[in-house]
């Protein structure tokens, strides 16, 4: 028993010593492992901290840049800032509610109304027809045996810029100093006291377009006027009428500048100079468009392009704000001008004079270009040599927009009879033209080509009361305008001397030309 008792403690001791040694060994290993793990953790932690400090959050967005504040343009330097810096101050003549009863009415809108009635009030046409109610208190005018038409409109006049008396001091219609003077405006030359306006009114003219002359490829801007007496041009200026740009091709520009031994001196020079101008205008347009786009986007746009009055007018054409009125006689040159318009993306509204328009009638119809011409101005110079009296009739037969214009201070007084001459020439050639068509030649069609067709040019409810009461068929040689209304006010009454405007020249005041 004793041995056994002693053996057990010894064995236990031995076992315990081994266990302690093993446990201690494991402890050392564990400590090393902990130390190693801690070291790894610390290293990893340092690496993670460094990466976190240097890395940007994945969801962060760059800070928005503050929008650039554009510099305000100096007054007068923004090409869009003053589209019409010389605004109309026109005020309609006073009028009363009026009914013309029992007349033959040529509406220029496709109707000839016998024994018709037209009512107008507050400057507008109220109603037109056979059975029209007449407002109580309206002034009634007996129109039996008489004719009523829209006011006559001349799309090509130089009244005011070549006024009477016709002396050099008053000759302001042609800035013949450069083949491109698109920067000049006819309205800045108009003398409102030109007695030609009074004579034109007596011939039934209620609206007219005043153009610069045709010495230059680009002669400048035209202006549309209401034919009323006024001290200032702005007092005649047709409210809201678009500007036109007078262009010319053919003999005039090449003669004027060729005689000075400079370009253009040939027809090919005409086209080359004009194309160069359109290239400059397109580039000017691009620069302004780019500048405005950057301003709209809040980007730094730098300095704006310098305003250029010449390129501004051409740019207005490219943008569709200004209408092309193109002096051109020959068919081949009209075709070239149409091709140039396609090249640069603008539209020709009207060819003026257009003696050979009959050769291009189908093309003009397709392109929706009007042709303004005379009845019988043929052969007075080489480029009009192939003109014919049937020109307007042939254009009408093809359905092209046909206009009779004057380009003359005397003819403007008789445009109704000039249209009658063209009707007669067409009839003799077997081309019948009705009064319904011919009245449009001097009313609705020029209004359309001048961009005022929605306001005047035909007798329709809501349009301006620009009306002429004739003593007989207006296409008669003996026809006289009895009463002329502009916006419903009496601008001329043959039987009322108080409406017969007289200028100083009419009264015999001498004109003093500075020497």
Protein backbone atom coordinates (compact mmCIF):
# COMPACT_ATOMS: atom_id res chain seq x y z
CA UNK A 1 0.00 0.00 0.00
CA UNK A 2 2.75 2.42 0.91
CA UNK A 3 4.53 1.76 -2.40
CA UNK A 4 1.38 2.27 -4.20
CA UNK A 5 0.73 5.41 -2.26
CA UNK A 6 4.16 6.78 -3.08
CA UNK A 7 4.07 5.71 -6.72
CA UNK A 8 0.90 7.73 -7.35
CA UNK A 9 2.26 11.04 -6.11
CA UNK A 10 5.44 10.59 -8.06
CA UNK A 11 3.52 9.79 -11.21
CA UNK A 12 1.25 12.74 -10.63
CA UNK A 13 4.20 15.04 -10.15
CA UNK A 14 5.88 13.80 -13.27
CA UNK A 15 2.68 14.19 -15.26
CA UNK A 16 2.09 17.62 -13.76
CA UNK A 17 5.58 18.76 -14.70
CA UNK A 18 5.08 17.64 -18.27
CA UNK A 19 1.69 19.32 -18.41
CA UNK A 20 3.18 22.52 -17.06
CA UNK A 21 5.98 22.40 -19.59
CA UNK A 22 3.57 21.72 -22.42
CA UNK A 23 1.20 24.44 -21.26
CA UNK A 24 4.05 26.90 -21.00
CA UNK A 25 5.18 25.97 -24.47
CA UNK A 26 1.68 26.55 -25.79
CA UNK A 27 1.52 29.86 -23.95
CA UNK A 28 4.73 31.04 -25.54
CA UNK A 29 3.49 30.03 -28.94
CA UNK A 30 0.17 31.71 -28.30
CA UNK A 31 1.88 34.87 -27.20
CA UNK A 32 3.98 34.83 -30.33
CA UNK A 33 0.84 34.30 -32.39
CA UNK A 34 -0.91 37.16 -30.62
CA UNK A 35 2.10 39.36 -31.10
CA UNK A 36 2.28 38.40 -34.76
CA UNK A 37 -1.44 38.94 -35.23
CA UNK A 38 -1.23 42.26 -33.46
CA UNK A 39 1.69 43.26 -35.65
CA UNK A 40 -0.21 42.29 -38.80
CA UNK A 41 -3.27 44.13 -37.56
CA UNK A 42 -1.26 47.25 -36.81
CA UNK A 43 0.45 47.15 -40.21
CA UNK A 44 -2.86 46.56 -41.95
CA UNK A 45 -4.43 49.31 -39.92
CA UNK A 46 -1.70 51.74 -40.91
CA UNK A 47 -2.06 50.77 -44.54
CA UNK A 48 -5.82 51.13 -44.37
CA UNK A 49 -5.55 54.50 -42.66
CA UNK A 50 -3.11 55.77 -45.28
CA UNK A 51 -5.31 54.56 -48.15
CA UNK A 52 -8.39 56.08 -46.55
CA UNK A 53 -6.59 59.37 -46.19
CA UNK A 54 -5.52 59.44 -49.85
CA UNK A 55 -8.60 57.92 -51.56
CA UNK A 56 -11.68 60.08 -52.61
CA UNK A 57 -15.13 58.80 -51.75
CA UNK A 58 -16.62 56.94 -54.68
CA UNK A 59 -19.89 58.87 -54.52
CA UNK A 60 -18.38 62.38 -54.39
CA UNK A 61 -19.11 64.73 -57.40
CA UNK A 62 -16.93 67.62 -58.54
CA UNK A 63 -18.06 70.96 -57.20
CA UNK A 64 -20.17 72.95 -59.71
CA UNK A 65 -18.35 75.85 -61.27
CA UNK A 66 -19.99 79.19 -60.68
CA UNK A 67 -21.72 80.47 -63.84
CA UNK A 68 -19.87 83.16 -65.68
CA UNK A 69 -21.48 86.57 -65.47
CA UNK A 70 -21.49 88.10 -68.94
CA UNK A 71 -20.26 91.62 -69.36
CA UNK A 72 -23.11 93.96 -70.20
CA UNK A 73 -22.86 95.11 -73.79
CA UNK A 74 -22.43 98.81 -74.34
CA UNK A 75 -25.54 100.57 -75.56
CA UNK A 76 -25.95 100.07 -79.29
CA UNK A 77 -23.46 97.20 -79.51
CA UNK A 78 -25.88 94.25 -79.41
CA UNK A 79 -26.97 93.30 -82.92
CA UNK A 80 -30.25 92.01 -81.47
CA UNK A 81 -30.71 94.82 -79.01
CA UNK A 82 -32.49 97.17 -81.36
CA UNK A 83 -34.03 95.39 -84.33
CA UNK A 84 -35.88 98.60 -85.17
CA UNK A 85 -34.08 101.55 -83.60
CA UNK A 86 -36.16 104.00 -85.66
CA UNK A 87 -39.65 102.83 -84.70
CA UNK A 88 -42.89 103.84 -86.36
CA UNK A 89 -44.85 106.66 -84.78
CA UNK A 90 -47.69 106.27 -87.28
CA UNK A 91 -51.16 107.10 -86.00
CA UNK A 92 -54.22 106.36 -88.15
CA UNK A 93 -56.27 109.24 -89.45
CA UNK A 94 -59.52 109.80 -87.59
CA UNK A 95 -62.49 108.03 -89.09
CA UNK A 96 -66.12 107.16 -88.48
CA UNK A 97 -68.15 104.00 -88.97
CA UNK A 98 -68.84 103.97 -92.71
CA UNK A 99 -70.84 101.85 -95.17
CA UNK A 100 -70.38 102.10 -98.94
CA UNK A 101 -73.56 100.69 -100.44
CA UNK A 102 -74.49 99.47 -103.92
CA UNK A 103 -70.99 99.43 -105.46
CA UNK A 104 -69.20 96.76 -107.48
CA UNK A 105 -66.57 95.44 -105.08
CA UNK A 106 -63.33 93.82 -106.24
CA UNK A 107 -62.07 92.20 -103.05
CA UNK A 108 -58.67 90.98 -104.37
CA UNK A 109 -59.56 87.83 -102.45
CA UNK A 110 -61.27 86.10 -105.37
CA UNK A 111 -64.64 87.85 -105.42
CA UNK A 112 -66.36 90.46 -107.56
CA UNK A 113 -69.52 91.52 -105.75
CA UNK A 114 -72.10 93.48 -107.71
CA UNK A 115 -74.39 95.77 -105.75
CA UNK A 116 -72.29 95.02 -102.70
CA UNK A 117 -71.74 96.71 -99.37
CA UNK A 118 -68.59 97.22 -97.37
CA UNK A 119 -68.65 98.37 -93.75
CA UNK A 120 -65.61 99.61 -91.85
CA UNK A 121 -65.11 101.04 -88.37
CA UNK A 122 -62.22 101.76 -85.98
CA UNK A 123 -59.76 101.46 -88.84
CA UNK A 124 -60.76 97.89 -89.75
CA UNK A 125 -63.03 96.26 -92.31
CA UNK A 126 -66.09 94.90 -90.51
CA UNK A 127 -67.95 93.13 -93.31
CA UNK A 128 -68.06 92.78 -97.11
CA UNK A 129 -70.86 91.23 -99.17
CA UNK A 130 -74.29 91.61 -100.71
CA UNK A 131 -76.44 91.30 -97.61
CA UNK A 132 -74.46 93.13 -94.99
CA UNK A 133 -76.04 94.64 -91.88
CA UNK A 134 -75.27 98.34 -91.57
CA UNK A 135 -74.71 99.53 -87.99
CA UNK A 136 -76.96 102.24 -86.63
CA UNK A 137 -75.44 105.66 -87.04
CA UNK A 138 -73.01 104.58 -89.77
CA UNK A 139 -72.18 107.09 -92.48
CA UNK A 140 -73.76 105.78 -95.69
CA UNK A 141 -72.10 106.46 -99.05
CA UNK A 142 -73.95 105.77 -102.28
CA UNK A 143 -71.72 103.50 -104.36
CA UNK A 144 -74.12 102.80 -107.23
CA UNK A 145 -72.30 102.81 -110.57
CA UNK A 146 -68.96 102.96 -108.77
CA UNK A 147 -66.26 100.46 -107.85
CA UNK A 148 -64.56 99.67 -104.57
CA UNK A 149 -61.08 98.09 -104.40
CA UNK A 150 -58.38 97.66 -101.79
CA UNK A 151 -55.93 100.54 -101.60
CA UNK A 152 -53.34 100.36 -104.38
CA UNK A 153 -49.88 99.22 -103.23
CA UNK A 154 -46.64 99.99 -105.06
CA UNK A 155 -43.81 97.60 -104.25
CA UNK A 156 -41.15 99.66 -106.05
CA UNK A 157 -40.95 103.39 -105.47
CA UNK A 158 -38.24 106.00 -104.89
CA UNK A 159 -40.52 108.75 -103.66
CA UNK A 160 -38.91 110.71 -100.87
CA UNK A 161 -35.37 109.56 -101.69
CA UNK A 162 -35.55 111.08 -105.19
CA UNK A 163 -38.11 113.78 -104.42
CA UNK A 164 -39.34 116.75 -106.37
CA UNK A 165 -37.77 119.14 -107.09
CA UNK A 166 -35.31 116.76 -108.69
CA UNK A 167 -32.06 118.54 -107.93
CA UNK A 168 -28.74 117.16 -106.78
CA UNK A 169 -29.25 118.46 -103.24
CA UNK A 170 -32.29 116.18 -102.92
CA UNK A 171 -30.81 113.13 -104.69
CA UNK A 172 -30.40 110.66 -101.83
CA UNK A 173 -31.47 107.30 -103.26
CA UNK A 174 -28.15 105.70 -104.27
CA UNK A 175 -25.13 105.36 -102.00
CA UNK A 176 -22.97 104.59 -105.04
CA UNK A 177 -19.68 104.41 -103.16
CA UNK A 178 -19.20 100.64 -102.84
CA UNK A 179 -20.78 97.57 -104.47
CA UNK A 180 -22.02 96.51 -101.04
CA UNK A 181 -23.77 99.19 -99.01
CA UNK A 182 -26.15 96.89 -97.13
CA UNK A 183 -25.64 99.11 -94.10
CA UNK A 184 -27.65 102.05 -95.48
CA UNK A 185 -31.40 102.39 -94.90
CA UNK A 186 -33.69 104.16 -97.36
CA UNK A 187 -35.74 105.63 -94.52
CA UNK A 188 -32.81 107.81 -93.54
CA UNK A 189 -33.04 109.62 -96.89
CA UNK A 190 -36.81 110.06 -97.14
CA UNK A 191 -38.14 113.60 -97.36
CA UNK A 192 -41.80 113.27 -96.29
CA UNK A 193 -42.75 116.57 -97.91
CA UNK A 194 -42.07 115.17 -101.39
CA UNK A 195 -45.19 116.21 -103.37
CA UNK A 196 -45.00 112.85 -105.12
CA UNK A 197 -46.66 111.28 -102.07
CA UNK A 198 -49.67 113.56 -102.52
CA UNK A 199 -49.95 112.82 -106.22
CA UNK A 200 -49.67 109.07 -105.53
CA UNK A 201 -52.45 109.29 -102.95
CA UNK A 202 -54.69 110.93 -105.56
CA UNK A 203 -54.08 107.84 -107.70
CA UNK A 204 -55.30 105.51 -104.94
CA UNK A 205 -51.90 104.57 -103.42
CA UNK A 206 -52.34 103.73 -99.74
CA UNK A 207 -49.04 101.85 -99.07
CA UNK A 208 -45.71 101.77 -100.85
CA UNK A 209 -42.21 100.39 -100.47
CA UNK A 210 -39.34 102.84 -100.79
CA UNK A 211 -36.12 101.25 -102.07
CA UNK A 212 -32.56 102.47 -102.48
CA UNK A 213 -31.37 102.61 -106.07
CA UNK A 214 -29.68 99.82 -108.00
CA UNK A 215 -26.12 101.07 -108.51
CA UNK A 216 -24.88 98.48 -106.01
CA UNK A 217 -25.11 94.71 -105.65
CA UNK A 218 -26.45 95.38 -102.16
CA UNK A 219 -28.11 98.78 -102.15
CA UNK A 220 -29.41 98.82 -98.59
CA UNK A 221 -32.67 98.39 -96.70
CA UNK A 222 -36.09 99.31 -98.02
CA UNK A 223 -38.92 100.65 -95.88
CA UNK A 224 -42.70 100.34 -96.21
CA UNK A 225 -44.85 103.42 -95.69
CA UNK A 226 -48.51 104.23 -95.19
CA UNK A 227 -49.27 107.04 -97.63
CA UNK A 228 -50.43 109.75 -95.26
CA UNK A 229 -49.15 113.31 -94.82
CA UNK A 230 -46.49 113.49 -92.11
CA UNK A 231 -43.68 115.72 -90.90
CA UNK A 232 -41.40 112.73 -90.27
CA UNK A 233 -40.72 109.47 -92.04
CA UNK A 234 -41.49 107.58 -88.82
CA UNK A 235 -44.97 109.11 -88.94
CA UNK A 236 -45.53 107.27 -92.25
CA UNK A 237 -43.73 104.03 -91.38
CA UNK A 238 -46.00 100.99 -91.69
CA UNK A 239 -46.15 99.43 -88.18
CA UNK A 240 -44.67 95.94 -88.08
CA UNK A 241 -43.74 95.74 -91.77
CA UNK A 242 -40.51 93.78 -92.31
CA UNK A 243 -37.50 95.40 -93.90
CA UNK A 244 -36.40 94.48 -97.40
CA UNK A 245 -32.86 94.31 -98.78
CA UNK A 246 -32.42 95.80 -102.23
CA UNK A 247 -30.13 93.67 -104.37
CA UNK A 248 -29.21 94.22 -108.01
CA UNK A 249 -27.67 92.19 -110.77
CA UNK A 250 -26.82 92.90 -114.38
CA UNK A 251 -25.85 96.14 -116.04
CA UNK A 252 -26.13 98.71 -113.26
CA UNK A 253 -23.49 97.49 -110.76
CA UNK A 254 -20.99 96.45 -113.41
CA UNK A 255 -21.40 99.74 -115.25
CA UNK A 256 -21.03 101.92 -112.15
CA UNK A 257 -17.94 100.17 -110.77
CA UNK A 258 -16.43 99.02 -114.04
CA UNK A 259 -16.31 102.67 -115.11
CA UNK A 260 -14.12 103.26 -112.04
CA UNK A 261 -11.79 100.38 -112.97
CA UNK A 262 -12.78 98.35 -109.95
CA UNK A 263 -14.73 95.18 -109.26
CA UNK A 264 -17.33 94.27 -110.28
CA UNK A 265 -16.91 95.20 -113.91
CA UNK A 266 -18.51 92.05 -115.36
CA UNK A 267 -21.49 89.87 -114.58
CA UNK A 268 -19.19 87.17 -113.23
CA UNK A 269 -17.70 89.85 -110.99
CA UNK A 270 -21.20 90.66 -109.74
CA UNK A 271 -21.75 87.09 -108.58
CA UNK A 272 -18.28 86.71 -107.07
CA UNK A 273 -18.56 89.87 -104.98
CA UNK A 274 -22.05 88.92 -103.82
CA UNK A 275 -20.98 85.39 -102.81
CA UNK A 276 -18.05 86.78 -100.82
CA UNK A 277 -20.46 89.03 -98.96
CA UNK A 278 -22.74 86.11 -98.06
CA UNK A 279 -19.74 84.11 -96.78
CA UNK A 280 -18.80 87.01 -94.51
CA UNK A 281 -22.40 87.29 -93.33
CA UNK A 282 -22.65 83.58 -92.52
CA UNK A 283 -19.42 83.80 -90.51
CA UNK A 284 -20.68 86.88 -88.66
CA UNK A 285 -23.93 85.04 -87.90
CA UNK A 286 -21.98 82.04 -86.55
CA UNK A 287 -19.87 84.19 -84.24
CA UNK A 288 -22.89 85.88 -82.72
CA UNK A 289 -24.74 82.58 -82.37
CA UNK A 290 -21.74 81.00 -80.62
CA UNK A 291 -21.41 83.95 -78.28
CA UNK A 292 -25.11 83.90 -77.35
CA UNK A 293 -25.08 80.11 -76.86
CA UNK A 294 -22.22 80.40 -74.35
CA UNK A 295 -23.99 83.20 -72.49
CA UNK A 296 -27.17 81.12 -72.33
CA UNK A 297 -25.20 78.15 -70.95
CA UNK A 298 -23.49 80.30 -68.31
CA UNK A 299 -20.08 79.77 -69.84
CA UNK A 300 -17.31 82.30 -70.21
CA UNK A 301 -17.96 83.83 -73.62
CA UNK A 302 -15.23 86.44 -73.81
CA UNK A 303 -15.80 89.64 -75.73
CA UNK A 304 -18.76 89.68 -78.14
CA UNK A 305 -18.25 90.17 -81.87
CA UNK A 306 -18.13 93.81 -82.90
CA UNK A 307 -21.42 94.96 -84.34
CA UNK A 308 -21.22 95.49 -88.12
CA UNK A 309 -24.20 97.25 -89.75
CA UNK A 310 -23.47 95.84 -93.20
CA UNK A 311 -23.21 92.24 -92.02
CA UNK A 312 -26.11 92.75 -89.63
CA UNK A 313 -28.45 93.41 -92.57
CA UNK A 314 -27.19 90.39 -94.48
CA UNK A 315 -27.45 88.30 -91.32
CA UNK A 316 -31.07 89.44 -91.02
CA UNK A 317 -31.70 87.96 -94.47
CA UNK A 318 -30.09 84.64 -93.50
CA UNK A 319 -32.26 84.54 -90.38
CA UNK A 320 -35.43 85.19 -92.40
CA UNK A 321 -36.17 88.60 -90.87
CA UNK A 322 -35.39 90.73 -93.93
CA UNK A 323 -36.93 90.10 -97.37
CA UNK A 324 -34.88 90.12 -100.58
CA UNK A 325 -36.13 92.56 -103.22
CA UNK A 326 -33.95 91.79 -106.23
CA UNK A 327 -33.57 94.11 -109.26
CA UNK A 328 -32.99 91.72 -112.16
CA UNK A 329 -34.06 91.80 -115.82
CA UNK A 330 -32.74 88.70 -117.60
CA UNK A 331 -33.97 85.15 -117.08
CA UNK A 332 -30.46 83.67 -117.00
CA UNK A 333 -29.42 86.07 -114.24
CA UNK A 334 -32.55 85.39 -112.22
CA UNK A 335 -31.69 81.69 -112.38
CA UNK A 336 -28.17 82.44 -111.10
CA UNK A 337 -29.54 84.50 -108.24
CA UNK A 338 -31.89 81.64 -107.32
CA UNK A 339 -28.94 79.25 -107.23
CA UNK A 340 -26.95 81.64 -105.04
CA UNK A 341 -29.89 81.88 -102.66
CA UNK A 342 -29.90 78.08 -102.38
CA UNK A 343 -26.16 78.03 -101.76
CA UNK A 344 -26.45 80.29 -98.72
CA UNK A 345 -29.91 79.32 -97.52
CA UNK A 346 -31.91 82.50 -97.99
CA UNK A 347 -35.08 83.20 -99.97
CA UNK A 348 -35.67 85.71 -102.75
CA UNK A 349 -39.08 87.31 -102.24
CA UNK A 350 -39.43 89.29 -105.47
CA UNK A 351 -37.60 89.92 -108.72
CA UNK A 352 -38.16 93.56 -109.69
CA UNK A 353 -38.46 94.74 -113.32
CA UNK A 354 -37.98 91.11 -114.41
CA UNK A 355 -38.56 91.78 -118.12
CA UNK A 356 -37.78 88.15 -118.98
CA UNK A 357 -39.70 86.58 -116.09
CA UNK A 358 -42.06 84.98 -118.63
CA UNK A 359 -39.19 82.65 -119.63
CA UNK A 360 -38.96 81.38 -116.04
CA UNK A 361 -42.64 81.42 -115.10
CA UNK A 362 -42.83 77.73 -114.04
CA UNK A 363 -39.62 78.01 -111.98
CA UNK A 364 -40.82 81.20 -110.28
CA UNK A 365 -44.12 79.54 -109.46
CA UNK A 366 -42.34 76.51 -107.98
CA UNK A 367 -39.93 78.64 -105.95
CA UNK A 368 -42.74 80.94 -104.74
CA UNK A 369 -40.95 84.06 -106.01
CA UNK A 370 -42.99 87.05 -107.15
CA UNK A 371 -42.19 88.97 -110.33
CA UNK A 372 -42.82 92.73 -110.31
CA UNK A 373 -42.84 94.31 -113.75
CA UNK A 374 -44.36 96.98 -116.00
CA UNK A 375 -46.77 96.72 -118.87
CA UNK A 376 -44.51 98.01 -121.61
CA UNK A 377 -41.01 99.04 -120.55
CA UNK A 378 -39.18 96.98 -123.14
CA UNK A 379 -35.96 97.66 -124.99
CA UNK A 380 -34.89 100.81 -123.20
CA UNK A 381 -31.54 99.16 -122.45
CA UNK A 382 -29.84 95.93 -123.48
CA UNK A 383 -30.88 93.81 -120.53
CA UNK A 384 -34.54 94.68 -121.17
CA UNK A 385 -34.27 94.03 -124.91
CA UNK A 386 -36.20 90.75 -124.76
CA UNK A 387 -39.01 92.11 -122.63
CA UNK A 388 -42.54 91.70 -123.95
CA UNK A 389 -45.88 93.35 -123.13
CA UNK A 390 -47.40 89.93 -122.46
CA UNK A 391 -44.98 89.28 -119.58
CA UNK A 392 -47.52 89.72 -116.78
CA UNK A 393 -50.19 87.75 -118.65
CA UNK A 394 -47.89 84.74 -119.16
CA UNK A 395 -46.84 84.80 -115.52
CA UNK A 396 -50.50 84.87 -114.50
CA UNK A 397 -51.31 81.97 -116.84
CA UNK A 398 -48.68 79.84 -115.06
CA UNK A 399 -50.03 80.82 -111.65
CA UNK A 400 -46.91 82.76 -110.66
CA UNK A 401 -47.18 85.69 -108.26
CA UNK A 402 -47.51 88.69 -110.58
CA UNK A 403 -47.11 92.36 -109.63
CA UNK A 404 -47.28 95.62 -111.54
CA UNK A 405 -44.97 98.26 -110.05
CA UNK A 406 -43.96 101.80 -110.97
CA UNK A 407 -40.30 102.72 -110.28
CA UNK A 408 -41.49 106.12 -111.44
CA UNK A 409 -42.95 109.22 -109.78
CA UNK A 410 -45.53 109.66 -112.56
CA UNK A 411 -46.54 106.07 -113.21
CA UNK A 412 -47.29 105.53 -109.51
CA UNK A 413 -50.26 107.84 -110.04
CA UNK A 414 -51.72 105.45 -112.64
CA UNK A 415 -50.89 101.89 -111.54
CA UNK A 416 -54.50 100.83 -112.13
CA UNK A 417 -54.16 101.86 -115.78
CA UNK A 418 -50.72 100.26 -116.07
CA UNK A 419 -52.34 97.01 -114.95
CA UNK A 420 -55.06 97.56 -117.56
CA UNK A 421 -52.39 97.91 -120.28
CA UNK A 422 -50.90 94.56 -119.23
CA UNK A 423 -54.38 93.00 -119.27
CA UNK A 424 -54.95 94.26 -122.81
CA UNK A 425 -51.61 92.95 -124.08
CA UNK A 426 -52.36 89.53 -122.60
CA UNK A 427 -55.86 89.47 -124.12
CA UNK A 428 -54.51 90.27 -127.59
CA UNK A 429 -52.13 87.32 -127.22
CA UNK A 430 -55.01 85.02 -126.35
CA UNK A 431 -54.31 85.01 -122.62
CA UNK A 432 -57.46 86.18 -120.85
CA UNK A 433 -56.88 87.92 -117.52
CA UNK A 434 -59.93 88.72 -115.41
CA UNK A 435 -60.40 91.78 -113.23
CA UNK A 436 -60.25 89.39 -110.28
CA UNK A 437 -56.68 88.50 -111.23
CA UNK A 438 -55.53 91.92 -112.37
CA UNK A 439 -56.65 93.70 -109.20
CA UNK A 440 -54.31 91.41 -107.24
CA UNK A 441 -51.38 92.66 -109.33
CA UNK A 442 -51.62 96.06 -107.63
CA UNK A 443 -53.04 95.11 -104.21
CA UNK A 444 -52.87 91.62 -102.68
CA UNK A 445 -49.74 90.39 -104.46
CA UNK A 446 -47.49 93.36 -103.61
CA UNK A 447 -48.80 93.24 -100.04
CA UNK A 448 -47.78 89.58 -99.86
CA UNK A 449 -44.31 90.30 -101.30
CA UNK A 450 -43.79 93.15 -98.84
CA UNK A 451 -44.71 90.97 -95.86
CA UNK A 452 -47.90 92.90 -95.02
CA UNK A 453 -50.46 90.65 -96.71
CA UNK A 454 -52.00 89.58 -93.40
CA UNK A 455 -52.86 93.23 -92.65
CA UNK A 456 -53.80 94.84 -95.94
CA UNK A 457 -54.07 94.28 -99.69
CA UNK A 458 -57.54 92.72 -99.83
CA UNK A 459 -61.03 93.57 -98.64
CA UNK A 460 -61.63 91.03 -95.88
CA UNK A 461 -63.07 91.40 -92.40
CA UNK A 462 -60.41 92.26 -89.84
CA UNK A 463 -57.93 93.79 -92.27
CA UNK A 464 -56.94 97.45 -92.37
CA UNK A 465 -59.59 99.63 -93.97
CA UNK A 466 -57.29 100.72 -96.83
CA UNK A 467 -59.95 101.30 -99.49
CA UNK A 468 -60.47 103.20 -102.73
CA UNK A 469 -63.85 104.27 -104.09
CA UNK A 470 -63.52 104.75 -107.88
CA UNK A 471 -65.91 106.73 -110.03
CA UNK A 472 -65.99 103.83 -112.54
CA UNK A 473 -64.22 100.60 -113.47
CA UNK A 474 -60.66 101.11 -112.17
CA UNK A 475 -59.25 99.53 -115.32
CA UNK A 476 -60.80 102.24 -117.47
CA UNK A 477 -58.57 104.90 -119.03
CA UNK A 478 -60.90 107.48 -117.51
CA UNK A 479 -61.09 106.08 -113.98
CA UNK A 480 -60.43 108.47 -111.11
CA UNK A 481 -60.07 107.73 -107.44
CA UNK A 482 -62.97 109.53 -105.79
CA UNK A 483 -62.21 108.78 -102.13
CA UNK A 484 -59.12 107.15 -100.63
CA UNK A 485 -59.30 105.71 -97.10
CA UNK A 486 -56.23 104.77 -95.11
CA UNK A 487 -57.09 102.79 -91.98
CA UNK A 488 -60.66 104.00 -92.36
CA UNK A 489 -59.76 107.70 -92.33
CA UNK A 490 -60.23 109.88 -95.41
CA UNK A 491 -56.75 110.52 -96.81
CA UNK A 492 -58.07 112.04 -100.04
CA UNK A 493 -61.50 113.09 -101.31
CA UNK A 494 -61.60 114.51 -104.81
CA UNK A 495 -64.60 116.63 -103.87
CA UNK A 496 -63.15 118.01 -100.62
CA UNK A 497 -60.28 120.49 -101.04
CA UNK A 498 -59.51 120.21 -97.32
CA UNK A 499 -58.08 116.74 -98.01
CA UNK A 500 -55.88 117.90 -100.91
CA UNK A 501 -52.49 117.98 -99.21
CA UNK A 502 -50.01 120.48 -100.61
CA UNK A 503 -46.29 120.66 -100.05
CA UNK A 504 -44.20 123.82 -100.14
CA UNK A 505 -43.12 122.87 -103.66
CA UNK A 506 -46.77 122.67 -104.77
CA UNK A 507 -47.37 126.14 -103.38
CA UNK A 508 -44.57 127.59 -105.47
CA UNK A 509 -41.94 128.15 -102.82
CA UNK A 510 -38.60 128.26 -104.62
CA UNK A 511 -36.09 125.52 -103.96
CA UNK A 512 -32.71 126.86 -102.98
CA UNK A 513 -29.85 124.57 -103.90
CA UNK A 514 -26.69 125.22 -101.95
CA UNK A 515 -23.82 126.17 -104.19
